[in-house]
Amino acid sequence: MNVRLLYFARLRERLGVGEETLAFDGATVAELLAVLRARGGVWAEELAPGRSFRVAVNQELATPDTPLADAAEVAVFPPVTGG
């Protein structure tokens, strides 16, 4: 399946990409994050367990066990605070 990945704010800057389409054979957000971390370097650092970021699938906040379907839009972003 293919998923559309969107990266925002600090993550977009650190990862050097704002958007990509990824061919992915997994089934959940956790499996997708593992694939991204396996790229190593800044990917492993920024998406490491315990780092502060959120994931949304098709504009709904997701958990690690959220399932992914073909053509899902997955956004990865730091927590947002307001003032």
N, C-alpha and C. Protein backbone atom coordinates (compact mmCIF):
# COMPACT_ATOMS: atom_id res chain seq x y z
N MET A 1 0.84 -1.17 0.00
CA MET A 1 0.00 0.00 0.00
C MET A 1 0.89 1.24 0.00
N ASN A 2 0.32 2.35 -0.37
CA ASN A 2 1.02 3.63 -0.32
C ASN A 2 0.35 4.52 0.71
N VAL A 3 1.16 5.23 1.48
CA VAL A 3 0.64 6.22 2.42
C VAL A 3 1.29 7.56 2.10
N ARG A 4 0.54 8.62 2.29
CA ARG A 4 1.04 9.98 2.08
C ARG A 4 1.45 10.51 3.45
N LEU A 5 2.71 10.86 3.59
CA LEU A 5 3.24 11.36 4.86
C LEU A 5 3.44 12.86 4.78
N LEU A 6 3.00 13.55 5.82
CA LEU A 6 3.18 14.99 5.95
C LEU A 6 3.93 15.27 7.24
N TYR A 7 4.95 16.11 7.17
CA TYR A 7 5.74 16.47 8.34
C TYR A 7 5.60 17.97 8.58
N PHE A 8 5.45 18.37 9.83
CA PHE A 8 5.20 19.77 10.14
C PHE A 8 6.20 20.32 11.15
N ALA A 9 6.34 21.64 11.10
CA ALA A 9 7.11 22.43 12.07
C ALA A 9 8.54 21.91 12.23
N ARG A 10 8.96 21.70 13.47
CA ARG A 10 10.32 21.26 13.76
C ARG A 10 10.69 19.99 13.00
N LEU A 11 9.76 19.07 12.88
CA LEU A 11 10.06 17.81 12.20
C LEU A 11 10.35 18.04 10.72
N ARG A 12 9.58 18.89 10.08
CA ARG A 12 9.83 19.19 8.66
C ARG A 12 11.23 19.77 8.49
N GLU A 13 11.61 20.66 9.39
CA GLU A 13 12.93 21.28 9.31
C GLU A 13 14.04 20.26 9.55
N ARG A 14 13.92 19.48 10.59
CA ARG A 14 14.98 18.52 10.95
C ARG A 14 15.10 17.37 9.95
N LEU A 15 13.95 16.89 9.45
CA LEU A 15 13.97 15.76 8.52
C LEU A 15 14.29 16.19 7.09
N GLY A 16 14.11 17.47 6.82
CA GLY A 16 14.42 17.99 5.49
C GLY A 16 13.40 17.66 4.42
N VAL A 17 12.19 17.32 4.84
CA VAL A 17 11.13 16.98 3.89
C VAL A 17 9.78 17.38 4.50
N GLY A 18 8.90 17.90 3.68
CA GLY A 18 7.57 18.28 4.16
C GLY A 18 6.51 17.25 3.83
N GLU A 19 6.77 16.48 2.77
CA GLU A 19 5.77 15.52 2.30
C GLU A 19 6.45 14.44 1.48
N GLU A 20 5.93 13.22 1.58
CA GLU A 20 6.41 12.12 0.75
C GLU A 20 5.34 11.05 0.65
N THR A 21 5.44 10.25 -0.38
CA THR A 21 4.60 9.06 -0.52
C THR A 21 5.50 7.86 -0.30
N LEU A 22 5.04 6.96 0.55
CA LEU A 22 5.85 5.81 0.93
C LEU A 22 5.10 4.52 0.64
N ALA A 23 5.74 3.60 -0.07
CA ALA A 23 5.21 2.25 -0.24
C ALA A 23 5.47 1.52 1.08
N PHE A 24 4.42 0.99 1.68
CA PHE A 24 4.48 0.47 3.04
C PHE A 24 3.72 -0.83 3.13
N ASP A 25 4.34 -1.85 3.70
CA ASP A 25 3.70 -3.16 3.80
C ASP A 25 3.14 -3.47 5.18
N GLY A 26 3.25 -2.53 6.11
CA GLY A 26 2.77 -2.77 7.46
C GLY A 26 1.29 -2.50 7.60
N ALA A 27 0.83 -2.49 8.85
CA ALA A 27 -0.60 -2.35 9.09
C ALA A 27 -0.96 -1.26 10.09
N THR A 28 0.01 -0.78 10.88
CA THR A 28 -0.32 0.17 11.95
C THR A 28 0.65 1.35 11.97
N VAL A 29 0.27 2.36 12.73
CA VAL A 29 1.13 3.52 12.92
C VAL A 29 2.46 3.10 13.53
N ALA A 30 2.44 2.21 14.51
CA ALA A 30 3.69 1.75 15.15
C ALA A 30 4.63 1.13 14.12
N GLU A 31 4.11 0.32 13.22
CA GLU A 31 4.94 -0.31 12.19
C GLU A 31 5.49 0.74 11.23
N LEU A 32 4.69 1.74 10.89
CA LEU A 32 5.16 2.82 10.02
C LEU A 32 6.30 3.59 10.69
N LEU A 33 6.13 3.93 11.96
CA LEU A 33 7.18 4.65 12.68
C LEU A 33 8.46 3.83 12.75
N ALA A 34 8.35 2.53 12.90
CA ALA A 34 9.53 1.67 12.92
C ALA A 34 10.27 1.72 11.59
N VAL A 35 9.54 1.75 10.49
CA VAL A 35 10.16 1.85 9.16
C VAL A 35 10.88 3.19 9.03
N LEU A 36 10.25 4.26 9.49
CA LEU A 36 10.88 5.59 9.40
C LEU A 36 12.11 5.67 10.28
N ARG A 37 12.04 5.14 11.49
CA ARG A 37 13.20 5.14 12.40
C ARG A 37 14.37 4.35 11.82
N ALA A 38 14.06 3.30 11.07
CA ALA A 38 15.10 2.45 10.49
C ALA A 38 15.95 3.20 9.46
N ARG A 39 15.51 4.37 9.03
CA ARG A 39 16.32 5.20 8.13
C ARG A 39 17.57 5.69 8.84
N GLY A 40 17.53 5.66 10.17
CA GLY A 40 18.69 6.05 10.96
C GLY A 40 18.85 7.55 11.08
N GLY A 41 19.96 7.97 11.65
CA GLY A 41 20.28 9.39 11.79
C GLY A 41 19.20 10.21 12.45
N VAL A 42 18.90 11.34 11.84
CA VAL A 42 17.91 12.27 12.39
C VAL A 42 16.52 11.64 12.47
N TRP A 43 16.22 10.70 11.57
CA TRP A 43 14.92 10.02 11.60
C TRP A 43 14.77 9.22 12.90
N ALA A 44 15.79 8.45 13.23
CA ALA A 44 15.76 7.65 14.46
C ALA A 44 15.73 8.56 15.68
N GLU A 45 16.45 9.65 15.63
CA GLU A 45 16.51 10.58 16.75
C GLU A 45 15.17 11.29 16.97
N GLU A 46 14.62 11.89 15.93
CA GLU A 46 13.39 12.69 16.07
C GLU A 46 12.15 11.84 16.33
N LEU A 47 12.12 10.61 15.83
CA LEU A 47 10.93 9.76 15.98
C LEU A 47 11.12 8.68 17.04
N ALA A 48 12.14 8.84 17.87
CA ALA A 48 12.41 7.86 18.92
C ALA A 48 11.29 7.83 19.95
N PRO A 49 11.05 6.65 20.53
CA PRO A 49 10.08 6.58 21.63
C PRO A 49 10.47 7.58 22.71
N GLY A 50 9.50 8.27 23.24
CA GLY A 50 9.76 9.25 24.29
C GLY A 50 9.93 10.66 23.76
N ARG A 51 10.19 10.80 22.45
CA ARG A 51 10.27 12.14 21.86
C ARG A 51 8.86 12.72 21.76
N SER A 52 8.80 14.02 21.74
CA SER A 52 7.51 14.70 21.73
C SER A 52 7.02 14.94 20.30
N PHE A 53 6.09 14.10 19.85
CA PHE A 53 5.44 14.30 18.56
C PHE A 53 4.10 13.57 18.56
N ARG A 54 3.24 13.98 17.66
CA ARG A 54 1.92 13.37 17.52
C ARG A 54 1.79 12.83 16.10
N VAL A 55 0.84 11.91 15.93
CA VAL A 55 0.54 11.36 14.62
C VAL A 55 -0.97 11.45 14.41
N ALA A 56 -1.36 11.87 13.21
CA ALA A 56 -2.77 11.87 12.84
C ALA A 56 -2.92 11.06 11.55
N VAL A 57 -3.98 10.29 11.47
CA VAL A 57 -4.29 9.52 10.27
C VAL A 57 -5.60 10.05 9.72
N ASN A 58 -5.55 10.51 8.49
CA ASN A 58 -6.73 11.11 7.86
C ASN A 58 -7.37 12.17 8.75
N GLN A 59 -6.52 13.01 9.33
CA GLN A 59 -6.87 14.17 10.14
C GLN A 59 -7.53 13.83 11.48
N GLU A 60 -7.30 12.60 11.95
CA GLU A 60 -7.77 12.18 13.28
C GLU A 60 -6.54 11.75 14.08
N LEU A 61 -6.41 12.24 15.33
CA LEU A 61 -5.28 11.82 16.16
C LEU A 61 -5.23 10.30 16.25
N ALA A 62 -4.03 9.77 16.16
CA ALA A 62 -3.85 8.32 16.11
C ALA A 62 -3.02 7.84 17.29
N THR A 63 -3.13 6.57 17.58
CA THR A 63 -2.31 5.88 18.58
C THR A 63 -1.42 4.88 17.82
N PRO A 64 -0.43 4.30 18.50
CA PRO A 64 0.44 3.35 17.80
C PRO A 64 -0.31 2.18 17.15
N ASP A 65 -1.44 1.77 17.71
CA ASP A 65 -2.16 0.64 17.14
C ASP A 65 -3.22 1.03 16.11
N THR A 66 -3.28 2.32 15.75
CA THR A 66 -4.22 2.76 14.71
C THR A 66 -3.88 2.08 13.40
N PRO A 67 -4.87 1.44 12.77
CA PRO A 67 -4.60 0.77 11.49
C PRO A 67 -4.44 1.77 10.36
N LEU A 68 -3.67 1.37 9.37
CA LEU A 68 -3.47 2.18 8.17
C LEU A 68 -4.05 1.46 6.96
N ALA A 69 -4.65 2.22 6.06
CA ALA A 69 -5.19 1.68 4.82
C ALA A 69 -4.48 2.32 3.65
N ASP A 70 -4.60 1.71 2.49
CA ASP A 70 -3.99 2.27 1.29
C ASP A 70 -4.49 3.70 1.09
N ALA A 71 -3.58 4.57 0.72
CA ALA A 71 -3.84 5.99 0.44
C ALA A 71 -4.14 6.80 1.70
N ALA A 72 -3.83 6.28 2.87
CA ALA A 72 -4.02 7.04 4.11
C ALA A 72 -3.10 8.26 4.11
N GLU A 73 -3.59 9.34 4.70
CA GLU A 73 -2.76 10.52 4.91
C GLU A 73 -2.30 10.50 6.37
N VAL A 74 -1.00 10.47 6.56
CA VAL A 74 -0.42 10.40 7.90
C VAL A 74 0.38 11.66 8.16
N ALA A 75 -0.03 12.42 9.16
CA ALA A 75 0.67 13.64 9.53
C ALA A 75 1.47 13.39 10.81
N VAL A 76 2.71 13.89 10.83
CA VAL A 76 3.58 13.75 12.00
C VAL A 76 3.98 15.16 12.38
N PHE A 77 3.72 15.53 13.64
CA PHE A 77 3.94 16.91 14.04
C PHE A 77 4.22 17.01 15.53
N PRO A 78 4.94 18.06 15.94
CA PRO A 78 5.16 18.27 17.38
C PRO A 78 3.87 18.74 18.03
N PRO A 79 3.73 18.56 19.34
CA PRO A 79 2.54 19.06 20.02
C PRO A 79 2.41 20.56 19.81
N VAL A 80 1.19 21.01 19.72
CA VAL A 80 0.93 22.43 19.49
C VAL A 80 0.42 23.06 20.77
N THR A 81 0.98 24.21 21.10
CA THR A 81 0.47 24.95 22.24
C THR A 81 -0.11 26.26 21.73
N GLY A 82 -1.05 26.78 22.44
CA GLY A 82 -1.68 28.04 22.02
C GLY A 82 -1.50 29.10 23.09
N GLY A 83 -1.80 30.29 22.69
CA GLY A 83 -1.66 31.38 23.64
C GLY A 83 -2.83 32.31 23.61
